[in-house]
Amino acid sequence: MEIYSMSDPAILREIGQRLKRRRLEKNLSQQNLAVAAGLNRTTISEIERGAPFGVLSLIQILRALNALEALDAFLPPPGPSPLQLARMKGRQRQRASRQPPIKPDKGDAQW
């Protein structure tokens, strides 16, 4: 599927169909999912048909489906920027710096 060639309503329909498939994989009715997500059953039905919805509703549905990990695939945590990586590259630590030997205190027991 080429997502960039799709219209916004088509993307919403695709998201709705994916949520519906996940719901059916979990063997949940729209009513049961709505109760678990704290939403109305008609809201679930509309989302599955491709109606616009808010991010909060998506989070509630994913939580109820035990699928919040999908958000990591959707928006992965940002890593260091390429510029930061370039700056750090020359200064990566290769070994620990030299430390003076640790001397035991005179009051400590010797083994």
PDB file of N, CA and C in Angstrom:
ATOM      1  N   MET A   1       0.838  -1.176   0.000  1.00  0.00           N
ATOM      2  CA  MET A   1       0.000   0.000   0.000  1.00  0.00           C
ATOM      3  C   MET A   1       0.887   1.245   0.000  1.00  0.00           C
ATOM      4  N   GLU A   2       0.675   2.105  -0.948  1.00  0.00           N
ATOM      5  CA  GLU A   2       1.426   3.358  -1.037  1.00  0.00           C
ATOM      6  C   GLU A   2       0.635   4.444  -0.324  1.00  0.00           C
ATOM      7  N   ILE A   3       1.025   4.733   0.890  1.00  0.00           N
ATOM      8  CA  ILE A   3       0.274   5.650   1.750  1.00  0.00           C
ATOM      9  C   ILE A   3       0.249   7.074   1.195  1.00  0.00           C
ATOM     10  N   TYR A   4       1.320   7.490   0.532  1.00  0.00           N
ATOM     11  CA  TYR A   4       1.381   8.869   0.020  1.00  0.00           C
ATOM     12  C   TYR A   4       0.440   9.099  -1.152  1.00  0.00           C
ATOM     13  N   SER A   5       0.031   8.056  -1.805  1.00  0.00           N
ATOM     14  CA  SER A   5      -0.897   8.222  -2.919  1.00  0.00           C
ATOM     15  C   SER A   5      -2.352   8.229  -2.457  1.00  0.00           C
ATOM     16  N   MET A   6      -2.574   7.993  -1.164  1.00  0.00           N
ATOM     17  CA  MET A   6      -3.927   7.925  -0.629  1.00  0.00           C
ATOM     18  C   MET A   6      -4.389   9.304  -0.163  1.00  0.00           C
ATOM     19  N   SER A   7      -5.688   9.547  -0.282  1.00  0.00           N
ATOM     20  CA  SER A   7      -6.269  10.785   0.247  1.00  0.00           C
ATOM     21  C   SER A   7      -6.409  10.649   1.767  1.00  0.00           C
ATOM     22  N   ASP A   8      -6.629  11.768   2.432  1.00  0.00           N
ATOM     23  CA  ASP A   8      -6.821  11.731   3.881  1.00  0.00           C
ATOM     24  C   ASP A   8      -8.012  10.859   4.280  1.00  0.00           C
ATOM     25  N   PRO A   9      -9.174  10.992   3.617  1.00  0.00           N
ATOM     26  CA  PRO A   9     -10.292  10.094   3.973  1.00  0.00           C
ATOM     27  C   PRO A   9      -9.957   8.616   3.751  1.00  0.00           C
ATOM     28  N   ALA A  10      -9.174   8.320   2.717  1.00  0.00           N
ATOM     29  CA  ALA A  10      -8.785   6.930   2.469  1.00  0.00           C
ATOM     30  C   ALA A  10      -7.877   6.413   3.587  1.00  0.00           C
ATOM     31  N   ILE A  11      -7.001   7.266   4.083  1.00  0.00           N
ATOM     32  CA  ILE A  11      -6.126   6.872   5.197  1.00  0.00           C
ATOM     33  C   ILE A  11      -6.960   6.618   6.450  1.00  0.00           C
ATOM     34  N   LEU A  12      -7.942   7.480   6.705  1.00  0.00           N
ATOM     35  CA  LEU A  12      -8.821   7.271   7.857  1.00  0.00           C
ATOM     36  C   LEU A  12      -9.575   5.942   7.736  1.00  0.00           C
ATOM     37  N   ARG A  13     -10.038   5.613   6.537  1.00  0.00           N
ATOM     38  CA  ARG A  13     -10.723   4.333   6.335  1.00  0.00           C
ATOM     39  C   ARG A  13      -9.773   3.167   6.596  1.00  0.00           C
ATOM     40  N   GLU A  14      -8.533   3.298   6.135  1.00  0.00           N
ATOM     41  CA  GLU A  14      -7.536   2.238   6.358  1.00  0.00           C
ATOM     42  C   GLU A  14      -7.254   2.058   7.848  1.00  0.00           C
ATOM     43  N   ILE A  15      -7.106   3.150   8.573  1.00  0.00           N
ATOM     44  CA  ILE A  15      -6.889   3.059  10.021  1.00  0.00           C
ATOM     45  C   ILE A  15      -8.088   2.389  10.679  1.00  0.00           C
ATOM     46  N   GLY A  16      -9.290   2.792  10.271  1.00  0.00           N
ATOM     47  CA  GLY A  16     -10.504   2.189  10.822  1.00  0.00           C
ATOM     48  C   GLY A  16     -10.566   0.690  10.571  1.00  0.00           C
ATOM     49  N   GLN A  17     -10.194   0.273   9.357  1.00  0.00           N
ATOM     50  CA  GLN A  17     -10.208  -1.158   9.031  1.00  0.00           C
ATOM     51  C   GLN A  17      -9.168  -1.917   9.846  1.00  0.00           C
ATOM     52  N   ARG A  18      -8.009  -1.307  10.063  1.00  0.00           N
ATOM     53  CA  ARG A  18      -6.970  -1.975  10.869  1.00  0.00           C
ATOM     54  C   ARG A  18      -7.419  -2.115  12.323  1.00  0.00           C
ATOM     55  N   LEU A  19      -8.058  -1.069  12.847  1.00  0.00           N
ATOM     56  CA  LEU A  19      -8.568  -1.163  14.214  1.00  0.00           C
ATOM     57  C   LEU A  19      -9.659  -2.228  14.312  1.00  0.00           C
ATOM     58  N   LYS A  20     -10.507  -2.305  13.301  1.00  0.00           N
ATOM     59  CA  LYS A  20     -11.563  -3.311  13.286  1.00  0.00           C
ATOM     60  C   LYS A  20     -10.967  -4.718  13.264  1.00  0.00           C
ATOM     61  N   ARG A  21      -9.935  -4.928  12.412  1.00  0.00           N
ATOM     62  CA  ARG A  21      -9.291  -6.250  12.360  1.00  0.00           C
ATOM     63  C   ARG A  21      -8.685  -6.608  13.712  1.00  0.00           C
ATOM     64  N   ARG A  22      -8.047  -5.633  14.356  1.00  0.00           N
ATOM     65  CA  ARG A  22      -7.453  -5.889  15.678  1.00  0.00           C
ATOM     66  C   ARG A  22      -8.550  -6.234  16.686  1.00  0.00           C
ATOM     67  N   ARG A  23      -9.673  -5.510  16.627  1.00  0.00           N
ATOM     68  CA  ARG A  23     -10.798  -5.781  17.533  1.00  0.00           C
ATOM     69  C   ARG A  23     -11.322  -7.194  17.325  1.00  0.00           C
ATOM     70  N   LEU A  24     -11.486  -7.592  16.065  1.00  0.00           N
ATOM     71  CA  LEU A  24     -11.999  -8.923  15.767  1.00  0.00           C
ATOM     72  C   LEU A  24     -11.000 -10.014  16.148  1.00  0.00           C
ATOM     73  N   GLU A  25      -9.691  -9.739  16.000  1.00  0.00           N
ATOM     74  CA  GLU A  25      -8.670 -10.699  16.450  1.00  0.00           C
ATOM     75  C   GLU A  25      -8.780 -10.942  17.948  1.00  0.00           C
ATOM     76  N   LYS A  26      -9.160  -9.905  18.679  1.00  0.00           N
ATOM     77  CA  LYS A  26      -9.322 -10.015  20.138  1.00  0.00           C
ATOM     78  C   LYS A  26     -10.712 -10.552  20.507  1.00  0.00           C
ATOM     79  N   ASN A  27     -11.528 -10.836  19.466  1.00  0.00           N
ATOM     80  CA  ASN A  27     -12.874 -11.374  19.655  1.00  0.00           C
ATOM     81  C   ASN A  27     -13.729 -10.446  20.520  1.00  0.00           C
ATOM     82  N   LEU A  28     -13.660  -9.151  20.235  1.00  0.00           N
ATOM     83  CA  LEU A  28     -14.444  -8.155  20.962  1.00  0.00           C
ATOM     84  C   LEU A  28     -15.537  -7.590  20.067  1.00  0.00           C
ATOM     85  N   SER A  29     -16.695  -7.382  20.631  1.00  0.00           N
ATOM     86  CA  SER A  29     -17.747  -6.672  19.901  1.00  0.00           C
ATOM     87  C   SER A  29     -17.454  -5.176  19.996  1.00  0.00           C
ATOM     88  N   GLN A  30     -18.104  -4.402  19.145  1.00  0.00           N
ATOM     89  CA  GLN A  30     -17.941  -2.948  19.228  1.00  0.00           C
ATOM     90  C   GLN A  30     -18.377  -2.455  20.609  1.00  0.00           C
ATOM     91  N   GLN A  31     -19.438  -3.023  21.141  1.00  0.00           N
ATOM     92  CA  GLN A  31     -19.937  -2.608  22.462  1.00  0.00           C
ATOM     93  C   GLN A  31     -18.912  -2.894  23.553  1.00  0.00           C
ATOM     94  N   ASN A  32     -18.328  -4.097  23.535  1.00  0.00           N
ATOM     95  CA  ASN A  32     -17.327  -4.451  24.552  1.00  0.00           C
ATOM     96  C   ASN A  32     -16.088  -3.561  24.441  1.00  0.00           C
ATOM     97  N   LEU A  33     -15.660  -3.283  23.220  1.00  0.00           N
ATOM     98  CA  LEU A  33     -14.517  -2.399  23.033  1.00  0.00           C
ATOM     99  C   LEU A  33     -14.848  -0.995  23.521  1.00  0.00           C
ATOM    100  N   ALA A  34     -16.043  -0.528  23.212  1.00  0.00           N
ATOM    101  CA  ALA A  34     -16.454   0.808  23.642  1.00  0.00           C
ATOM    102  C   ALA A  34     -16.437   0.931  25.160  1.00  0.00           C
ATOM    103  N   VAL A  35     -16.958  -0.070  25.843  1.00  0.00           N
ATOM    104  CA  VAL A  35     -16.967  -0.048  27.308  1.00  0.00           C
ATOM    105  C   VAL A  35     -15.533  -0.047  27.843  1.00  0.00           C
ATOM    106  N   ALA A  36     -14.686  -0.910  27.298  1.00  0.00           N
ATOM    107  CA  ALA A  36     -13.293  -0.995  27.758  1.00  0.00           C
ATOM    108  C   ALA A  36     -12.531   0.294  27.477  1.00  0.00           C
ATOM    109  N   ALA A  37     -12.868   0.971  26.383  1.00  0.00           N
ATOM    110  CA  ALA A  37     -12.159   2.200  26.002  1.00  0.00           C
ATOM    111  C   ALA A  37     -12.779   3.449  26.620  1.00  0.00           C
ATOM    112  N   GLY A  38     -13.967   3.314  27.189  1.00  0.00           N
ATOM    113  CA  GLY A  38     -14.637   4.477  27.749  1.00  0.00           C
ATOM    114  C   GLY A  38     -15.246   5.367  26.669  1.00  0.00           C
ATOM    115  N   LEU A  39     -15.631   4.761  25.562  1.00  0.00           N
ATOM    116  CA  LEU A  39     -16.221   5.488  24.445  1.00  0.00           C
ATOM    117  C   LEU A  39     -17.615   4.955  24.166  1.00  0.00           C
ATOM    118  N   ASN A  40     -18.329   5.622  23.289  1.00  0.00           N
ATOM    119  CA  ASN A  40     -19.649   5.185  22.873  1.00  0.00           C
ATOM    120  C   ASN A  40     -19.506   4.168  21.741  1.00  0.00           C
ATOM    121  N   ARG A  41     -20.426   3.215  21.666  1.00  0.00           N
ATOM    122  CA  ARG A  41     -20.366   2.209  20.606  1.00  0.00           C
ATOM    123  C   ARG A  41     -20.461   2.847  19.231  1.00  0.00           C
ATOM    124  N   THR A  42     -21.246   3.881  19.097  1.00  0.00           N
ATOM    125  CA  THR A  42     -21.353   4.540  17.792  1.00  0.00           C
ATOM    126  C   THR A  42     -20.039   5.201  17.396  1.00  0.00           C
ATOM    127  N   THR A  43     -19.273   5.660  18.374  1.00  0.00           N
ATOM    128  CA  THR A  43     -17.957   6.232  18.080  1.00  0.00           C
ATOM    129  C   THR A  43     -17.046   5.170  17.481  1.00  0.00           C
ATOM    130  N   ILE A  44     -17.054   3.972  18.072  1.00  0.00           N
ATOM    131  CA  ILE A  44     -16.243   2.869  17.546  1.00  0.00           C
ATOM    132  C   ILE A  44     -16.681   2.551  16.123  1.00  0.00           C
ATOM    133  N   SER A  45     -17.987   2.469  15.898  1.00  0.00           N
ATOM    134  CA  SER A  45     -18.514   2.161  14.577  1.00  0.00           C
ATOM    135  C   SER A  45     -18.095   3.216  13.555  1.00  0.00           C
ATOM    136  N   GLU A  46     -18.199   4.477  13.921  1.00  0.00           N
ATOM    137  CA  GLU A  46     -17.827   5.556  13.001  1.00  0.00           C
ATOM    138  C   GLU A  46     -16.334   5.524  12.670  1.00  0.00           C
ATOM    139  N   ILE A  47     -15.502   5.297  13.680  1.00  0.00           N
ATOM    140  CA  ILE A  47     -14.053   5.227  13.451  1.00  0.00           C
ATOM    141  C   ILE A  47     -13.733   4.074  12.504  1.00  0.00           C
ATOM    142  N   GLU A  48     -14.362   2.926  12.716  1.00  0.00           N
ATOM    143  CA  GLU A  48     -14.114   1.769  11.854  1.00  0.00           C
ATOM    144  C   GLU A  48     -14.568   2.016  10.419  1.00  0.00           C
ATOM    145  N   ARG A  49     -15.522   2.906  10.235  1.00  0.00           N
ATOM    146  CA  ARG A  49     -15.987   3.245   8.884  1.00  0.00           C
ATOM    147  C   ARG A  49     -15.171   4.368   8.252  1.00  0.00           C
ATOM    148  N   GLY A  50     -14.233   4.974   9.004  1.00  0.00           N
ATOM    149  CA  GLY A  50     -13.367   5.993   8.428  1.00  0.00           C
ATOM    150  C   GLY A  50     -13.714   7.415   8.785  1.00  0.00           C
ATOM    151  N   ALA A  51     -14.560   7.616   9.781  1.00  0.00           N
ATOM    152  CA  ALA A  51     -14.899   8.969  10.216  1.00  0.00           C
ATOM    153  C   ALA A  51     -13.698   9.590  10.944  1.00  0.00           C
ATOM    154  N   PRO A  52     -13.537  10.911  10.858  1.00  0.00           N
ATOM    155  CA  PRO A  52     -12.438  11.563  11.587  1.00  0.00           C
ATOM    156  C   PRO A  52     -12.585  11.347  13.097  1.00  0.00           C
ATOM    157  N   PHE A  53     -11.460  11.241  13.787  1.00  0.00           N
ATOM    158  CA  PHE A  53     -11.463  11.033  15.235  1.00  0.00           C
ATOM    159  C   PHE A  53     -10.222  11.676  15.827  1.00  0.00           C
ATOM    160  N   GLY A  54     -10.250  11.856  17.130  1.00  0.00           N
ATOM    161  CA  GLY A  54      -9.144  12.498  17.828  1.00  0.00           C
ATOM    162  C   GLY A  54      -8.090  11.513  18.289  1.00  0.00           C
ATOM    163  N   VAL A  55      -6.945  12.040  18.607  1.00  0.00           N
ATOM    164  CA  VAL A  55      -5.833  11.215  19.081  1.00  0.00           C
ATOM    165  C   VAL A  55      -6.191  10.553  20.404  1.00  0.00           C
ATOM    166  N   LEU A  56      -6.904  11.259  21.264  1.00  0.00           N
ATOM    167  CA  LEU A  56      -7.285  10.673  22.551  1.00  0.00           C
ATOM    168  C   LEU A  56      -8.143   9.420  22.346  1.00  0.00           C
ATOM    169  N   SER A  57      -9.062   9.468  21.398  1.00  0.00           N
ATOM    170  CA  SER A  57      -9.879   8.278  21.105  1.00  0.00           C
ATOM    171  C   SER A  57      -9.004   7.129  20.620  1.00  0.00           C
ATOM    172  N   LEU A  58      -8.020   7.436  19.784  1.00  0.00           N
ATOM    173  CA  LEU A  58      -7.105   6.393  19.300  1.00  0.00           C
ATOM    174  C   LEU A  58      -6.348   5.767  20.464  1.00  0.00           C
ATOM    175  N   ILE A  59      -5.863   6.583  21.379  1.00  0.00           N
ATOM    176  CA  ILE A  59      -5.132   6.066  22.542  1.00  0.00           C
ATOM    177  C   ILE A  59      -6.039   5.181  23.389  1.00  0.00           C
ATOM    178  N   GLN A  60      -7.272   5.625  23.607  1.00  0.00           N
ATOM    179  CA  GLN A  60      -8.210   4.839  24.408  1.00  0.00           C
ATOM    180  C   GLN A  60      -8.500   3.492  23.746  1.00  0.00           C
ATOM    181  N   ILE A  61      -8.675   3.494  22.435  1.00  0.00           N
ATOM    182  CA  ILE A  61      -8.954   2.247  21.721  1.00  0.00           C
ATOM    183  C   ILE A  61      -7.743   1.325  21.758  1.00  0.00           C
ATOM    184  N   LEU A  62      -6.564   1.869  21.487  1.00  0.00           N
ATOM    185  CA  LEU A  62      -5.356   1.038  21.517  1.00  0.00           C
ATOM    186  C   LEU A  62      -5.110   0.472  22.903  1.00  0.00           C
ATOM    187  N   ARG A  63      -5.359   1.256  23.936  1.00  0.00           N
ATOM    188  CA  ARG A  63      -5.193   0.761  25.306  1.00  0.00           C
ATOM    189  C   ARG A  63      -6.162  -0.383  25.573  1.00  0.00           C
ATOM    190  N   ALA A  64      -7.421  -0.218  25.153  1.00  0.00           N
ATOM    191  CA  ALA A  64      -8.425  -1.263  25.365  1.00  0.00           C
ATOM    192  C   ALA A  64      -8.089  -2.530  24.578  1.00  0.00           C
ATOM    193  N   LEU A  65      -7.446  -2.365  23.429  1.00  0.00           N
ATOM    194  CA  LEU A  65      -7.038  -3.509  22.612  1.00  0.00           C
ATOM    195  C   LEU A  65      -5.694  -4.076  23.049  1.00  0.00           C
ATOM    196  N   ASN A  66      -5.106  -3.488  24.094  1.00  0.00           N
ATOM    197  CA  ASN A  66      -3.776  -3.879  24.563  1.00  0.00           C
ATOM    198  C   ASN A  66      -2.766  -3.793  23.420  1.00  0.00           C
ATOM    199  N   ALA A  67      -2.822  -2.668  22.699  1.00  0.00           N
ATOM    200  CA  ALA A  67      -1.977  -2.493  21.516  1.00  0.00           C
ATOM    201  C   ALA A  67      -1.277  -1.140  21.511  1.00  0.00           C
ATOM    202  N   LEU A  68      -0.968  -0.597  22.676  1.00  0.00           N
ATOM    203  CA  LEU A  68      -0.302   0.710  22.727  1.00  0.00           C
ATOM    204  C   LEU A  68       1.076   0.700  22.078  1.00  0.00           C
ATOM    205  N   GLU A  69       1.673  -0.487  21.949  1.00  0.00           N
ATOM    206  CA  GLU A  69       2.991  -0.560  21.303  1.00  0.00           C
ATOM    207  C   GLU A  69       2.926  -0.096  19.856  1.00  0.00           C
ATOM    208  N   ALA A  70       1.732  -0.066  19.294  1.00  0.00           N
ATOM    209  CA  ALA A  70       1.582   0.429  17.920  1.00  0.00           C
ATOM    210  C   ALA A  70       1.989   1.891  17.813  1.00  0.00           C
ATOM    211  N   LEU A  71       1.908   2.623  18.919  1.00  0.00           N
ATOM    212  CA  LEU A  71       2.319   4.024  18.893  1.00  0.00           C
ATOM    213  C   LEU A  71       3.825   4.162  18.688  1.00  0.00           C
ATOM    214  N   ASP A  72       4.604   3.200  19.200  1.00  0.00           N
ATOM    215  CA  ASP A  72       6.051   3.238  18.971  1.00  0.00           C
ATOM    216  C   ASP A  72       6.387   3.054  17.505  1.00  0.00           C
ATOM    217  N   ALA A  73       5.640   2.202  16.826  1.00  0.00           N
ATOM    218  CA  ALA A  73       5.864   2.031  15.389  1.00  0.00           C
ATOM    219  C   ALA A  73       5.384   3.259  14.626  1.00  0.00           C
ATOM    220  N   PHE A  74       4.316   3.856  15.111  1.00  0.00           N
ATOM    221  CA  PHE A  74       3.737   5.039  14.472  1.00  0.00           C
ATOM    222  C   PHE A  74       4.661   6.243  14.621  1.00  0.00           C
ATOM    223  N   LEU A  75       5.135   6.494  15.824  1.00  0.00           N
ATOM    224  CA  LEU A  75       6.035   7.606  16.102  1.00  0.00           C
ATOM    225  C   LEU A  75       7.137   7.111  17.029  1.00  0.00           C
ATOM    226  N   PRO A  76       8.205   6.555  16.486  1.00  0.00           N
ATOM    227  CA  PRO A  76       9.261   6.029  17.355  1.00  0.00           C
ATOM    228  C   PRO A  76       9.934   7.144  18.144  1.00  0.00           C
ATOM    229  N   PRO A  77      10.468   6.817  19.320  1.00  0.00           N
ATOM    230  CA  PRO A  77      11.169   7.834  20.101  1.00  0.00           C
ATOM    231  C   PRO A  77      12.324   8.405  19.293  1.00  0.00           C
ATOM    232  N   PRO A  78      12.534   9.712  19.375  1.00  0.00           N
ATOM    233  CA  PRO A  78      13.622  10.306  18.596  1.00  0.00           C
ATOM    234  C   PRO A  78      14.976   9.896  19.154  1.00  0.00           C
ATOM    235  N   GLY A  79      15.887   9.606  18.277  1.00  0.00           N
ATOM    236  CA  GLY A  79      17.258   9.307  18.674  1.00  0.00           C
ATOM    237  C   GLY A  79      18.110  10.551  18.492  1.00  0.00           C
ATOM    238  N   PRO A  80      19.396  10.418  18.676  1.00  0.00           N
ATOM    239  CA  PRO A  80      20.256  11.582  18.456  1.00  0.00           C
ATOM    240  C   PRO A  80      20.219  12.001  16.987  1.00  0.00           C
ATOM    241  N   SER A  81      20.305  13.292  16.777  1.00  0.00           N
ATOM    242  CA  SER A  81      20.292  13.805  15.408  1.00  0.00           C
ATOM    243  C   SER A  81      21.599  13.436  14.711  1.00  0.00           C
ATOM    244  N   PRO A  82      21.619  13.413  13.395  1.00  0.00           N
ATOM    245  CA  PRO A  82      22.860  13.119  12.679  1.00  0.00           C
ATOM    246  C   PRO A  82      23.979  14.088  13.050  1.00  0.00           C
ATOM    247  N   LEU A  83      23.614  15.329  13.321  1.00  0.00           N
ATOM    248  CA  LEU A  83      24.625  16.311  13.717  1.00  0.00           C
ATOM    249  C   LEU A  83      25.220  15.948  15.073  1.00  0.00           C
ATOM    250  N   GLN A  84      24.380  15.535  16.020  1.00  0.00           N
ATOM    251  CA  GLN A  84      24.883  15.116  17.324  1.00  0.00           C
ATOM    252  C   GLN A  84      25.774  13.884  17.195  1.00  0.00           C
ATOM    253  N   LEU A  85      25.382  12.949  16.357  1.00  0.00           N
ATOM    254  CA  LEU A  85      26.202  11.749  16.154  1.00  0.00           C
ATOM    255  C   LEU A  85      27.562  12.116  15.578  1.00  0.00           C
ATOM    256  N   ALA A  86      27.593  13.048  14.634  1.00  0.00           N
ATOM    257  CA  ALA A  86      28.855  13.473  14.028  1.00  0.00           C
ATOM    258  C   ALA A  86      29.746  14.152  15.070  1.00  0.00           C
ATOM    259  N   ARG A  87      29.157  14.933  15.949  1.00  0.00           N
ATOM    260  CA  ARG A  87      29.947  15.607  16.986  1.00  0.00           C
ATOM    261  C   ARG A  87      30.517  14.617  17.983  1.00  0.00           C
ATOM    262  N   MET A  88      29.752  13.581  18.330  1.00  0.00           N
ATOM    263  CA  MET A  88      30.197  12.613  19.322  1.00  0.00           C
ATOM    264  C   MET A  88      31.202  11.622  18.758  1.00  0.00           C
ATOM    265  N   LYS A  89      31.184  11.407  17.467  1.00  0.00           N
ATOM    266  CA  LYS A  89      31.990  10.342  16.870  1.00  0.00           C
ATOM    267  C   LYS A  89      33.472  10.471  17.199  1.00  0.00           C
ATOM    268  N   GLY A  90      34.006  11.650  17.111  1.00  0.00           N
ATOM    269  CA  GLY A  90      35.424  11.843  17.396  1.00  0.00           C
ATOM    270  C   GLY A  90      35.763  11.721  18.868  1.00  0.00           C
ATOM    271  N   ARG A  91      34.765  11.765  19.722  1.00  0.00           N
ATOM    272  CA  ARG A  91      35.023  11.755  21.158  1.00  0.00           C
ATOM    273  C   ARG A  91      34.451  10.541  21.854  1.00  0.00           C
ATOM    274  N   GLN A  92      34.248   9.472  21.146  1.00  0.00           N
ATOM    275  CA  GLN A  92      33.746   8.279  21.811  1.00  0.00           C
ATOM    276  C   GLN A  92      34.835   7.693  22.682  1.00  0.00           C
ATOM    277  N   ARG A  93      34.435   7.317  23.851  1.00  0.00           N
ATOM    278  CA  ARG A  93      35.375   6.784  24.823  1.00  0.00           C
ATOM    279  C   ARG A  93      35.825   5.391  24.394  1.00  0.00           C
ATOM    280  N   GLN A  94      37.115   5.159  24.378  1.00  0.00           N
ATOM    281  CA  GLN A  94      37.673   3.869  24.008  1.00  0.00           C
ATOM    282  C   GLN A  94      38.094   3.042  25.228  1.00  0.00           C
ATOM    283  N   ARG A  95      38.447   3.729  26.309  1.00  0.00           N
ATOM    284  CA  ARG A  95      38.852   3.041  27.542  1.00  0.00           C
ATOM    285  C   ARG A  95      38.680   3.996  28.721  1.00  0.00           C
ATOM    286  N   ALA A  96      38.735   3.447  29.897  1.00  0.00           N
ATOM    287  CA  ALA A  96      38.603   4.260  31.104  1.00  0.00           C
ATOM    288  C   ALA A  96      39.877   5.069  31.309  1.00  0.00           C
ATOM    289  N   SER A  97      39.723   6.239  31.907  1.00  0.00           N
ATOM    290  CA  SER A  97      40.909   7.061  32.175  1.00  0.00           C
ATOM    291  C   SER A  97      41.672   6.487  33.363  1.00  0.00           C
ATOM    292  N   ARG A  98      42.944   6.842  33.437  1.00  0.00           N
ATOM    293  CA  ARG A  98      43.808   6.327  34.496  1.00  0.00           C
ATOM    294  C   ARG A  98      43.388   6.922  35.827  1.00  0.00           C
ATOM    295  N   GLN A  99      43.255   6.068  36.820  1.00  0.00           N
ATOM    296  CA  GLN A  99      42.854   6.476  38.170  1.00  0.00           C
ATOM    297  C   GLN A  99      43.980   6.118  39.141  1.00  0.00           C
ATOM    298  N   PRO A 100      44.176   6.938  40.170  1.00  0.00           N
ATOM    299  CA  PRO A 100      45.179   6.549  41.178  1.00  0.00           C
ATOM    300  C   PRO A 100      44.692   5.311  41.928  1.00  0.00           C
ATOM    301  N   PRO A 101      45.610   4.444  42.365  1.00  0.00           N
ATOM    302  CA  PRO A 101      45.190   3.239  43.081  1.00  0.00           C
ATOM    303  C   PRO A 101      44.454   3.604  44.367  1.00  0.00           C
ATOM    304  N   ILE A 102      43.487   2.808  44.736  1.00  0.00           N
ATOM    305  CA  ILE A 102      42.719   3.040  45.961  1.00  0.00           C
ATOM    306  C   ILE A 102      43.500   2.463  47.121  1.00  0.00           C
ATOM    307  N   LYS A 103      43.763   3.315  48.133  1.00  0.00           N
ATOM    308  CA  LYS A 103      44.491   2.876  49.321  1.00  0.00           C
ATOM    309  C   LYS A 103      43.494   2.620  50.435  1.00  0.00           C
ATOM    310  N   PRO A 104      43.603   1.477  51.118  1.00  0.00           N
ATOM    311  CA  PRO A 104      42.670   1.187  52.206  1.00  0.00           C
ATOM    312  C   PRO A 104      42.925   2.137  53.376  1.00  0.00           C
ATOM    313  N   ASP A 105      41.851   2.503  54.097  1.00  0.00           N
ATOM    314  CA  ASP A 105      42.000   3.304  55.304  1.00  0.00           C
ATOM    315  C   ASP A 105      42.707   2.489  56.356  1.00  0.00           C
ATOM    316  N   LYS A 106      43.464   3.174  57.229  1.00  0.00           N
ATOM    317  CA  LYS A 106      44.202   2.461  58.267  1.00  0.00           C
ATOM    318  C   LYS A 106      43.278   1.763  59.243  1.00  0.00           C
ATOM    319  N   GLY A 107      42.061   2.279  59.419  1.00  0.00           N
ATOM    320  CA  GLY A 107      41.132   1.686  60.363  1.00  0.00           C
ATOM    321  C   GLY A 107      40.392   0.486  59.803  1.00  0.00           C
ATOM    322  N   ASP A 108      40.514   0.263  58.497  1.00  0.00           N
ATOM    323  CA  ASP A 108      39.814  -0.862  57.878  1.00  0.00           C
ATOM    324  C   ASP A 108      40.526  -2.171  58.203  1.00  0.00           C
ATOM    325  N   ALA A 109      39.759  -3.216  58.330  1.00  0.00           N
ATOM    326  CA  ALA A 109      40.335  -4.537  58.579  1.00  0.00           C
ATOM    327  C   ALA A 109      40.998  -5.018  57.295  1.00  0.00           C
ATOM    328  N   GLN A 110      42.120  -5.696  57.450  1.00  0.00           N
ATOM    329  CA  GLN A 110      42.851  -6.270  56.318  1.00  0.00           C
ATOM    330  C   GLN A 110      42.496  -7.745  56.211  1.00  0.00           C
ATOM    331  N   TRP A 111      42.252  -8.239  55.023  1.00  0.00           N
ATOM    332  CA  TRP A 111      41.897  -9.643  54.844  1.00  0.00           C
ATOM    333  C   TRP A 111      43.127 -10.421  54.604  1.00  0.00           C
TER     334      TRP A 111
END
